[in-house]
Amino acid sequence: MPLTSKQRRFLRSRAHSLHPIIQVGESGLTEAVVQATDEALGHHELLKIRFQQGDKGERRAMVAELCQAVRAELVQEIGRMAVIYRPAEEPVLQLPAD
């Protein structure tokens, strides 16, 4: 489910006040990080993730791999932070229509 620019803008505004729940450390993207992210998305829908290391290309690759592993959409990536979204079975956030 690709997000429209209007939906991304809405989710970015909601994520602004969030604190990172997941932190990817020196070990990079491990199975434990993927599992923790999947569980957190089940509870929160919208997550902020902090990456502790790696250059811009490595971080982008890790974010893409993580999104694919947990079936989430990338909302925003700024520096060492990324925001991802996956709707819950009973969505709490009502995304705006196109």
PDB file of N, CA and C in Angstrom:
ATOM      1  N   MET A   1       0.830  -1.166   0.000  1.00  0.00           N
ATOM      2  CA  MET A   1       0.000   0.000   0.000  1.00  0.00           C
ATOM      3  C   MET A   1       0.889   1.249   0.000  1.00  0.00           C
ATOM      4  N   PRO A   2       1.187   1.796  -1.156  1.00  0.00           N
ATOM      5  CA  PRO A   2       2.004   3.015  -1.196  1.00  0.00           C
ATOM      6  C   PRO A   2       1.240   4.214  -0.618  1.00  0.00           C
ATOM      7  N   LEU A   3       1.956   5.038   0.108  1.00  0.00           N
ATOM      8  CA  LEU A   3       1.357   6.218   0.721  1.00  0.00           C
ATOM      9  C   LEU A   3       1.400   7.395  -0.241  1.00  0.00           C
ATOM     10  N   THR A   4       0.364   8.213  -0.216  1.00  0.00           N
ATOM     11  CA  THR A   4       0.357   9.428  -1.017  1.00  0.00           C
ATOM     12  C   THR A   4       1.135  10.507  -0.270  1.00  0.00           C
ATOM     13  N   SER A   5       1.447  11.596  -0.950  1.00  0.00           N
ATOM     14  CA  SER A   5       2.190  12.681  -0.299  1.00  0.00           C
ATOM     15  C   SER A   5       1.376  13.314   0.828  1.00  0.00           C
ATOM     16  N   LYS A   6       0.070  13.379   0.669  1.00  0.00           N
ATOM     17  CA  LYS A   6      -0.796  13.924   1.714  1.00  0.00           C
ATOM     18  C   LYS A   6      -0.774  13.031   2.961  1.00  0.00           C
ATOM     19  N   GLN A   7      -0.795  11.721   2.747  1.00  0.00           N
ATOM     20  CA  GLN A   7      -0.743  10.782   3.865  1.00  0.00           C
ATOM     21  C   GLN A   7       0.620  10.824   4.561  1.00  0.00           C
ATOM     22  N   ARG A   8       1.695  10.933   3.776  1.00  0.00           N
ATOM     23  CA  ARG A   8       3.040  11.050   4.359  1.00  0.00           C
ATOM     24  C   ARG A   8       3.146  12.314   5.214  1.00  0.00           C
ATOM     25  N   ARG A   9       2.625  13.401   4.722  1.00  0.00           N
ATOM     26  CA  ARG A   9       2.654  14.662   5.468  1.00  0.00           C
ATOM     27  C   ARG A   9       1.904  14.518   6.796  1.00  0.00           C
ATOM     28  N   PHE A  10       0.742  13.871   6.757  1.00  0.00           N
ATOM     29  CA  PHE A  10      -0.041  13.623   7.964  1.00  0.00           C
ATOM     30  C   PHE A  10       0.750  12.768   8.963  1.00  0.00           C
ATOM     31  N   LEU A  11       1.369  11.694   8.472  1.00  0.00           N
ATOM     32  CA  LEU A  11       2.129  10.802   9.357  1.00  0.00           C
ATOM     33  C   LEU A  11       3.383  11.482   9.906  1.00  0.00           C
ATOM     34  N   ARG A  12       4.039  12.308   9.097  1.00  0.00           N
ATOM     35  CA  ARG A  12       5.207  13.055   9.586  1.00  0.00           C
ATOM     36  C   ARG A  12       4.815  13.968  10.734  1.00  0.00           C
ATOM     37  N   SER A  13       3.654  14.613  10.625  1.00  0.00           N
ATOM     38  CA  SER A  13       3.206  15.504  11.699  1.00  0.00           C
ATOM     39  C   SER A  13       2.918  14.715  12.969  1.00  0.00           C
ATOM     40  N   ARG A  14       2.378  13.511  12.842  1.00  0.00           N
ATOM     41  CA  ARG A  14       2.106  12.669  14.008  1.00  0.00           C
ATOM     42  C   ARG A  14       3.397  12.136  14.631  1.00  0.00           C
ATOM     43  N   ALA A  15       4.410  11.880  13.810  1.00  0.00           N
ATOM     44  CA  ALA A  15       5.663  11.291  14.293  1.00  0.00           C
ATOM     45  C   ALA A  15       6.595  12.313  14.921  1.00  0.00           C
ATOM     46  N   HIS A  16       6.336  13.588  14.696  1.00  0.00           N
ATOM     47  CA  HIS A  16       7.236  14.638  15.173  1.00  0.00           C
ATOM     48  C   HIS A  16       7.500  14.536  16.675  1.00  0.00           C
ATOM     49  N   SER A  17       6.483  14.285  17.458  1.00  0.00           N
ATOM     50  CA  SER A  17       6.639  14.259  18.916  1.00  0.00           C
ATOM     51  C   SER A  17       7.040  12.883  19.461  1.00  0.00           C
ATOM     52  N   LEU A  18       7.154  11.883  18.604  1.00  0.00           N
ATOM     53  CA  LEU A  18       7.515  10.546  19.065  1.00  0.00           C
ATOM     54  C   LEU A  18       8.992  10.454  19.422  1.00  0.00           C
ATOM     55  N   HIS A  19       9.290   9.572  20.345  1.00  0.00           N
ATOM     56  CA  HIS A  19      10.680   9.246  20.676  1.00  0.00           C
ATOM     57  C   HIS A  19      11.013   7.921  19.995  1.00  0.00           C
ATOM     58  N   PRO A  20      12.284   7.712  19.633  1.00  0.00           N
ATOM     59  CA  PRO A  20      12.647   6.443  18.990  1.00  0.00           C
ATOM     60  C   PRO A  20      12.368   5.255  19.908  1.00  0.00           C
ATOM     61  N   ILE A  21      11.676   4.283  19.390  1.00  0.00           N
ATOM     62  CA  ILE A  21      11.377   3.065  20.140  1.00  0.00           C
ATOM     63  C   ILE A  21      12.429   2.008  19.832  1.00  0.00           C
ATOM     64  N   ILE A  22      12.880   1.968  18.606  1.00  0.00           N
ATOM     65  CA  ILE A  22      13.863   0.988  18.156  1.00  0.00           C
ATOM     66  C   ILE A  22      15.182   1.713  17.878  1.00  0.00           C
ATOM     67  N   GLN A  23      16.283   1.106  18.332  1.00  0.00           N
ATOM     68  CA  GLN A  23      17.611   1.644  18.038  1.00  0.00           C
ATOM     69  C   GLN A  23      18.439   0.542  17.405  1.00  0.00           C
ATOM     70  N   VAL A  24      18.985   0.831  16.231  1.00  0.00           N
ATOM     71  CA  VAL A  24      19.830  -0.114  15.518  1.00  0.00           C
ATOM     72  C   VAL A  24      21.265   0.263  15.839  1.00  0.00           C
ATOM     73  N   GLY A  25      21.982  -0.636  16.522  1.00  0.00           N
ATOM     74  CA  GLY A  25      23.332  -0.354  16.998  1.00  0.00           C
ATOM     75  C   GLY A  25      24.415  -0.797  16.034  1.00  0.00           C
ATOM     76  N   GLU A  26      25.584  -1.052  16.601  1.00  0.00           N
ATOM     77  CA  GLU A  26      26.756  -1.410  15.810  1.00  0.00           C
ATOM     78  C   GLU A  26      26.600  -2.735  15.076  1.00  0.00           C
ATOM     79  N   SER A  27      25.788  -3.630  15.598  1.00  0.00           N
ATOM     80  CA  SER A  27      25.589  -4.939  14.958  1.00  0.00           C
ATOM     81  C   SER A  27      24.755  -4.831  13.691  1.00  0.00           C
ATOM     82  N   GLY A  28      24.146  -3.691  13.482  1.00  0.00           N
ATOM     83  CA  GLY A  28      23.328  -3.486  12.292  1.00  0.00           C
ATOM     84  C   GLY A  28      21.951  -4.105  12.438  1.00  0.00           C
ATOM     85  N   LEU A  29      21.394  -4.501  11.328  1.00  0.00           N
ATOM     86  CA  LEU A  29      20.036  -5.034  11.288  1.00  0.00           C
ATOM     87  C   LEU A  29      20.081  -6.529  11.594  1.00  0.00           C
ATOM     88  N   THR A  30      19.786  -6.885  12.823  1.00  0.00           N
ATOM     89  CA  THR A  30      19.796  -8.288  13.245  1.00  0.00           C
ATOM     90  C   THR A  30      18.365  -8.821  13.280  1.00  0.00           C
ATOM     91  N   GLU A  31      18.254 -10.119  13.462  1.00  0.00           N
ATOM     92  CA  GLU A  31      16.930 -10.745  13.551  1.00  0.00           C
ATOM     93  C   GLU A  31      16.169 -10.218  14.768  1.00  0.00           C
ATOM     94  N   ALA A  32      16.884  -9.932  15.840  1.00  0.00           N
ATOM     95  CA  ALA A  32      16.240  -9.393  17.044  1.00  0.00           C
ATOM     96  C   ALA A  32      15.645  -8.012  16.778  1.00  0.00           C
ATOM     97  N   VAL A  33      16.345  -7.192  16.010  1.00  0.00           N
ATOM     98  CA  VAL A  33      15.833  -5.855  15.675  1.00  0.00           C
ATOM     99  C   VAL A  33      14.588  -5.980  14.811  1.00  0.00           C
ATOM    100  N   VAL A  34      14.617  -6.879  13.849  1.00  0.00           N
ATOM    101  CA  VAL A  34      13.455  -7.088  12.976  1.00  0.00           C
ATOM    102  C   VAL A  34      12.260  -7.567  13.794  1.00  0.00           C
ATOM    103  N   GLN A  35      12.488  -8.512  14.705  1.00  0.00           N
ATOM    104  CA  GLN A  35      11.407  -9.038  15.535  1.00  0.00           C
ATOM    105  C   GLN A  35      10.854  -7.959  16.461  1.00  0.00           C
ATOM    106  N   ALA A  36      11.731  -7.167  17.072  1.00  0.00           N
ATOM    107  CA  ALA A  36      11.281  -6.099  17.972  1.00  0.00           C
ATOM    108  C   ALA A  36      10.486  -5.045  17.201  1.00  0.00           C
ATOM    109  N   THR A  37      10.910  -4.731  15.993  1.00  0.00           N
ATOM    110  CA  THR A  37      10.205  -3.764  15.161  1.00  0.00           C
ATOM    111  C   THR A  37       8.827  -4.284  14.779  1.00  0.00           C
ATOM    112  N   ASP A  38       8.752  -5.556  14.427  1.00  0.00           N
ATOM    113  CA  ASP A  38       7.473  -6.155  14.052  1.00  0.00           C
ATOM    114  C   ASP A  38       6.498  -6.111  15.233  1.00  0.00           C
ATOM    115  N   GLU A  39       6.978  -6.441  16.428  1.00  0.00           N
ATOM    116  CA  GLU A  39       6.131  -6.394  17.624  1.00  0.00           C
ATOM    117  C   GLU A  39       5.687  -4.958  17.935  1.00  0.00           C
ATOM    118  N   ALA A  40       6.620  -4.017  17.834  1.00  0.00           N
ATOM    119  CA  ALA A  40       6.295  -2.618  18.135  1.00  0.00           C
ATOM    120  C   ALA A  40       5.284  -2.063  17.137  1.00  0.00           C
ATOM    121  N   LEU A  41       5.389  -2.443  15.879  1.00  0.00           N
ATOM    122  CA  LEU A  41       4.423  -1.989  14.884  1.00  0.00           C
ATOM    123  C   LEU A  41       3.033  -2.555  15.169  1.00  0.00           C
ATOM    124  N   GLY A  42       2.971  -3.728  15.764  1.00  0.00           N
ATOM    125  CA  GLY A  42       1.687  -4.301  16.141  1.00  0.00           C
ATOM    126  C   GLY A  42       0.984  -3.487  17.219  1.00  0.00           C
ATOM    127  N   HIS A  43       1.776  -2.778  18.022  1.00  0.00           N
ATOM    128  CA  HIS A  43       1.212  -1.972  19.105  1.00  0.00           C
ATOM    129  C   HIS A  43       1.022  -0.505  18.722  1.00  0.00           C
ATOM    130  N   HIS A  44       1.910   0.028  17.892  1.00  0.00           N
ATOM    131  CA  HIS A  44       1.958   1.474  17.704  1.00  0.00           C
ATOM    132  C   HIS A  44       1.601   1.986  16.308  1.00  0.00           C
ATOM    133  N   GLU A  45       1.682   1.196  15.274  1.00  0.00           N
ATOM    134  CA  GLU A  45       1.430   1.599  13.879  1.00  0.00           C
ATOM    135  C   GLU A  45       2.515   2.512  13.313  1.00  0.00           C
ATOM    136  N   LEU A  46       2.935   3.503  14.074  1.00  0.00           N
ATOM    137  CA  LEU A  46       3.888   4.505  13.597  1.00  0.00           C
ATOM    138  C   LEU A  46       5.103   4.487  14.520  1.00  0.00           C
ATOM    139  N   LEU A  47       6.287   4.248  13.950  1.00  0.00           N
ATOM    140  CA  LEU A  47       7.499   4.124  14.760  1.00  0.00           C
ATOM    141  C   LEU A  47       8.589   5.061  14.278  1.00  0.00           C
ATOM    142  N   LYS A  48       9.366   5.523  15.236  1.00  0.00           N
ATOM    143  CA  LYS A  48      10.574   6.280  14.933  1.00  0.00           C
ATOM    144  C   LYS A  48      11.747   5.381  15.311  1.00  0.00           C
ATOM    145  N   ILE A  49      12.704   5.244  14.391  1.00  0.00           N
ATOM    146  CA  ILE A  49      13.846   4.361  14.580  1.00  0.00           C
ATOM    147  C   ILE A  49      15.126   5.176  14.478  1.00  0.00           C
ATOM    148  N   ARG A  50      16.072   4.919  15.388  1.00  0.00           N
ATOM    149  CA  ARG A  50      17.376   5.598  15.362  1.00  0.00           C
ATOM    150  C   ARG A  50      18.458   4.607  14.947  1.00  0.00           C
ATOM    151  N   PHE A  51      19.308   5.047  14.025  1.00  0.00           N
ATOM    152  CA  PHE A  51      20.445   4.252  13.578  1.00  0.00           C
ATOM    153  C   PHE A  51      21.710   4.852  14.174  1.00  0.00           C
ATOM    154  N   GLN A  52      22.489   4.031  14.874  1.00  0.00           N
ATOM    155  CA  GLN A  52      23.671   4.518  15.583  1.00  0.00           C
ATOM    156  C   GLN A  52      24.904   4.622  14.699  1.00  0.00           C
ATOM    157  N   GLN A  53      24.962   3.890  13.621  1.00  0.00           N
ATOM    158  CA  GLN A  53      26.180   3.872  12.822  1.00  0.00           C
ATOM    159  C   GLN A  53      25.870   3.702  11.344  1.00  0.00           C
ATOM    160  N   GLY A  54      26.906   3.779  10.538  1.00  0.00           N
ATOM    161  CA  GLY A  54      26.763   3.592   9.105  1.00  0.00           C
ATOM    162  C   GLY A  54      26.621   4.913   8.376  1.00  0.00           C
ATOM    163  N   ASP A  55      27.061   4.916   7.117  1.00  0.00           N
ATOM    164  CA  ASP A  55      26.910   6.131   6.314  1.00  0.00           C
ATOM    165  C   ASP A  55      25.508   6.163   5.714  1.00  0.00           C
ATOM    166  N   LYS A  56      25.232   7.210   4.976  1.00  0.00           N
ATOM    167  CA  LYS A  56      23.884   7.435   4.444  1.00  0.00           C
ATOM    168  C   LYS A  56      23.396   6.271   3.589  1.00  0.00           C
ATOM    169  N   GLY A  57      24.249   5.754   2.742  1.00  0.00           N
ATOM    170  CA  GLY A  57      23.870   4.634   1.877  1.00  0.00           C
ATOM    171  C   GLY A  57      23.557   3.374   2.662  1.00  0.00           C
ATOM    172  N   GLU A  58      24.381   3.079   3.669  1.00  0.00           N
ATOM    173  CA  GLU A  58      24.145   1.901   4.503  1.00  0.00           C
ATOM    174  C   GLU A  58      22.834   2.026   5.276  1.00  0.00           C
ATOM    175  N   ARG A  59      22.579   3.208   5.819  1.00  0.00           N
ATOM    176  CA  ARG A  59      21.342   3.422   6.571  1.00  0.00           C
ATOM    177  C   ARG A  59      20.122   3.277   5.668  1.00  0.00           C
ATOM    178  N   ARG A  60      20.193   3.825   4.467  1.00  0.00           N
ATOM    179  CA  ARG A  60      19.064   3.693   3.535  1.00  0.00           C
ATOM    180  C   ARG A  60      18.800   2.237   3.184  1.00  0.00           C
ATOM    181  N   ALA A  61      19.879   1.477   2.994  1.00  0.00           N
ATOM    182  CA  ALA A  61      19.733   0.054   2.682  1.00  0.00           C
ATOM    183  C   ALA A  61      19.114  -0.693   3.863  1.00  0.00           C
ATOM    184  N   MET A  62      19.542  -0.356   5.093  1.00  0.00           N
ATOM    185  CA  MET A  62      18.987  -1.012   6.279  1.00  0.00           C
ATOM    186  C   MET A  62      17.505  -0.673   6.448  1.00  0.00           C
ATOM    187  N   VAL A  63      17.139   0.589   6.203  1.00  0.00           N
ATOM    188  CA  VAL A  63      15.736   0.993   6.327  1.00  0.00           C
ATOM    189  C   VAL A  63      14.890   0.252   5.298  1.00  0.00           C
ATOM    190  N   ALA A  64      15.364   0.169   4.066  1.00  0.00           N
ATOM    191  CA  ALA A  64      14.616  -0.531   3.017  1.00  0.00           C
ATOM    192  C   ALA A  64      14.453  -2.008   3.359  1.00  0.00           C
ATOM    193  N   GLU A  65      15.510  -2.623   3.854  1.00  0.00           N
ATOM    194  CA  GLU A  65      15.455  -4.034   4.223  1.00  0.00           C
ATOM    195  C   GLU A  65      14.506  -4.259   5.397  1.00  0.00           C
ATOM    196  N   LEU A  66      14.555  -3.365   6.371  1.00  0.00           N
ATOM    197  CA  LEU A  66      13.674  -3.476   7.535  1.00  0.00           C
ATOM    198  C   LEU A  66      12.213  -3.303   7.130  1.00  0.00           C
ATOM    199  N   CYS A  67      11.931  -2.314   6.296  1.00  0.00           N
ATOM    200  CA  CYS A  67      10.553  -2.092   5.838  1.00  0.00           C
ATOM    201  C   CYS A  67      10.020  -3.312   5.096  1.00  0.00           C
ATOM    202  N   GLN A  68      10.855  -3.903   4.273  1.00  0.00           N
ATOM    203  CA  GLN A  68      10.432  -5.085   3.527  1.00  0.00           C
ATOM    204  C   GLN A  68      10.192  -6.264   4.470  1.00  0.00           C
ATOM    205  N   ALA A  69      11.063  -6.424   5.482  1.00  0.00           N
ATOM    206  CA  ALA A  69      10.940  -7.553   6.411  1.00  0.00           C
ATOM    207  C   ALA A  69       9.680  -7.469   7.263  1.00  0.00           C
ATOM    208  N   VAL A  70       9.269  -6.255   7.644  1.00  0.00           N
ATOM    209  CA  VAL A  70       8.097  -6.107   8.528  1.00  0.00           C
ATOM    210  C   VAL A  70       6.857  -5.615   7.782  1.00  0.00           C
ATOM    211  N   ARG A  71       6.929  -5.539   6.460  1.00  0.00           N
ATOM    212  CA  ARG A  71       5.809  -5.106   5.605  1.00  0.00           C
ATOM    213  C   ARG A  71       5.302  -3.719   5.989  1.00  0.00           C
ATOM    214  N   ALA A  72       6.235  -2.778   6.101  1.00  0.00           N
ATOM    215  CA  ALA A  72       5.892  -1.408   6.488  1.00  0.00           C
ATOM    216  C   ALA A  72       6.286  -0.447   5.370  1.00  0.00           C
ATOM    217  N   GLU A  73       5.787   0.768   5.471  1.00  0.00           N
ATOM    218  CA  GLU A  73       6.095   1.827   4.516  1.00  0.00           C
ATOM    219  C   GLU A  73       7.000   2.858   5.177  1.00  0.00           C
ATOM    220  N   LEU A  74       8.005   3.303   4.446  1.00  0.00           N
ATOM    221  CA  LEU A  74       8.863   4.374   4.926  1.00  0.00           C
ATOM    222  C   LEU A  74       8.118   5.691   4.783  1.00  0.00           C
ATOM    223  N   VAL A  75       8.028   6.435   5.872  1.00  0.00           N
ATOM    224  CA  VAL A  75       7.354   7.727   5.866  1.00  0.00           C
ATOM    225  C   VAL A  75       8.378   8.830   5.670  1.00  0.00           C
ATOM    226  N   GLN A  76       9.485   8.745   6.419  1.00  0.00           N
ATOM    227  CA  GLN A  76      10.468   9.818   6.390  1.00  0.00           C
ATOM    228  C   GLN A  76      11.809   9.278   6.869  1.00  0.00           C
ATOM    229  N   GLU A  77      12.867   9.828   6.296  1.00  0.00           N
ATOM    230  CA  GLU A  77      14.223   9.501   6.739  1.00  0.00           C
ATOM    231  C   GLU A  77      15.021  10.791   6.788  1.00  0.00           C
ATOM    232  N   ILE A  78      15.464  11.144   7.983  1.00  0.00           N
ATOM    233  CA  ILE A  78      16.265  12.351   8.154  1.00  0.00           C
ATOM    234  C   ILE A  78      17.468  11.988   9.010  1.00  0.00           C
ATOM    235  N   GLY A  79      18.648  12.143   8.460  1.00  0.00           N
ATOM    236  CA  GLY A  79      19.863  11.836   9.204  1.00  0.00           C
ATOM    237  C   GLY A  79      19.861  10.408   9.698  1.00  0.00           C
ATOM    238  N   ARG A  80      19.974  10.241  10.999  1.00  0.00           N
ATOM    239  CA  ARG A  80      20.014   8.915  11.603  1.00  0.00           C
ATOM    240  C   ARG A  80      18.648   8.430  12.084  1.00  0.00           C
ATOM    241  N   MET A  81      17.596   9.148  11.731  1.00  0.00           N
ATOM    242  CA  MET A  81      16.238   8.782  12.136  1.00  0.00           C
ATOM    243  C   MET A  81      15.414   8.354  10.922  1.00  0.00           C
ATOM    244  N   ALA A  82      14.556   7.386  11.152  1.00  0.00           N
ATOM    245  CA  ALA A  82      13.606   6.958  10.125  1.00  0.00           C
ATOM    246  C   ALA A  82      12.255   6.767  10.794  1.00  0.00           C
ATOM    247  N   VAL A  83      11.207   7.065  10.064  1.00  0.00           N
ATOM    248  CA  VAL A  83       9.838   6.863  10.537  1.00  0.00           C
ATOM    249  C   VAL A  83       9.183   5.885   9.587  1.00  0.00           C
ATOM    250  N   ILE A  84       8.604   4.807  10.158  1.00  0.00           N
ATOM    251  CA  ILE A  84       7.920   3.810   9.342  1.00  0.00           C
ATOM    252  C   ILE A  84       6.491   3.635   9.845  1.00  0.00           C
ATOM    253  N   TYR A  85       5.618   3.147   8.945  1.00  0.00           N
ATOM    254  CA  TYR A  85       4.194   3.005   9.250  1.00  0.00           C
ATOM    255  C   TYR A  85       3.684   1.678   8.702  1.00  0.00           C
ATOM    256  N   ARG A  86       2.902   1.010   9.519  1.00  0.00           N
ATOM    257  CA  ARG A  86       2.158  -0.170   9.069  1.00  0.00           C
ATOM    258  C   ARG A  86       0.808  -0.141   9.769  1.00  0.00           C
ATOM    259  N   PRO A  87      -0.294  -0.114   9.020  1.00  0.00           N
ATOM    260  CA  PRO A  87      -1.609  -0.061   9.667  1.00  0.00           C
ATOM    261  C   PRO A  87      -1.871  -1.325  10.477  1.00  0.00           C
ATOM    262  N   ALA A  88      -2.504  -1.146  11.618  1.00  0.00           N
ATOM    263  CA  ALA A  88      -2.874  -2.275  12.468  1.00  0.00           C
ATOM    264  C   ALA A  88      -4.122  -2.948  11.899  1.00  0.00           C
ATOM    265  N   GLU A  89      -4.472  -4.101  12.465  1.00  0.00           N
ATOM    266  CA  GLU A  89      -5.681  -4.786  12.017  1.00  0.00           C
ATOM    267  C   GLU A  89      -6.906  -3.910  12.235  1.00  0.00           C
ATOM    268  N   GLU A  90      -6.907  -3.184  13.342  1.00  0.00           N
ATOM    269  CA  GLU A  90      -7.936  -2.184  13.610  1.00  0.00           C
ATOM    270  C   GLU A  90      -7.222  -0.838  13.724  1.00  0.00           C
ATOM    271  N   PRO A  91      -7.053  -0.122  12.597  1.00  0.00           N
ATOM    272  CA  PRO A  91      -6.248   1.102  12.596  1.00  0.00           C
ATOM    273  C   PRO A  91      -6.724   2.156  13.579  1.00  0.00           C
ATOM    274  N   VAL A  92      -5.766   2.752  14.260  1.00  0.00           N
ATOM    275  CA  VAL A  92      -6.034   3.849  15.179  1.00  0.00           C
ATOM    276  C   VAL A  92      -5.927   5.168  14.424  1.00  0.00           C
ATOM    277  N   LEU A  93      -4.909   5.275  13.579  1.00  0.00           N
ATOM    278  CA  LEU A  93      -4.715   6.485  12.775  1.00  0.00           C
ATOM    279  C   LEU A  93      -5.588   6.423  11.525  1.00  0.00           C
ATOM    280  N   GLN A  94      -6.379   7.439  11.317  1.00  0.00           N
ATOM    281  CA  GLN A  94      -7.207   7.536  10.122  1.00  0.00           C
ATOM    282  C   GLN A  94      -6.479   8.401   9.109  1.00  0.00           C
ATOM    283  N   LEU A  95      -5.931   7.773   8.083  1.00  0.00           N
ATOM    284  CA  LEU A  95      -5.184   8.505   7.071  1.00  0.00           C
ATOM    285  C   LEU A  95      -6.137   9.324   6.213  1.00  0.00           C
ATOM    286  N   PRO A  96      -5.696  10.514   5.806  1.00  0.00           N
ATOM    287  CA  PRO A  96      -6.545  11.311   4.918  1.00  0.00           C
ATOM    288  C   PRO A  96      -6.661  10.655   3.545  1.00  0.00           C
ATOM    289  N   ALA A  97      -7.764  10.890   2.889  1.00  0.00           N
ATOM    290  CA  ALA A  97      -7.968  10.367   1.537  1.00  0.00           C
ATOM    291  C   ALA A  97      -7.110  11.159   0.558  1.00  0.00           C
ATOM    292  N   ASP A  98      -6.976  10.635  -0.625  1.00  0.00           N
ATOM    293  CA  ASP A  98      -6.172  11.318  -1.649  1.00  0.00           C
ATOM    294  C   ASP A  98      -6.660  12.673  -1.829  1.00  0.00           C
TER     295      ASP A  98
END
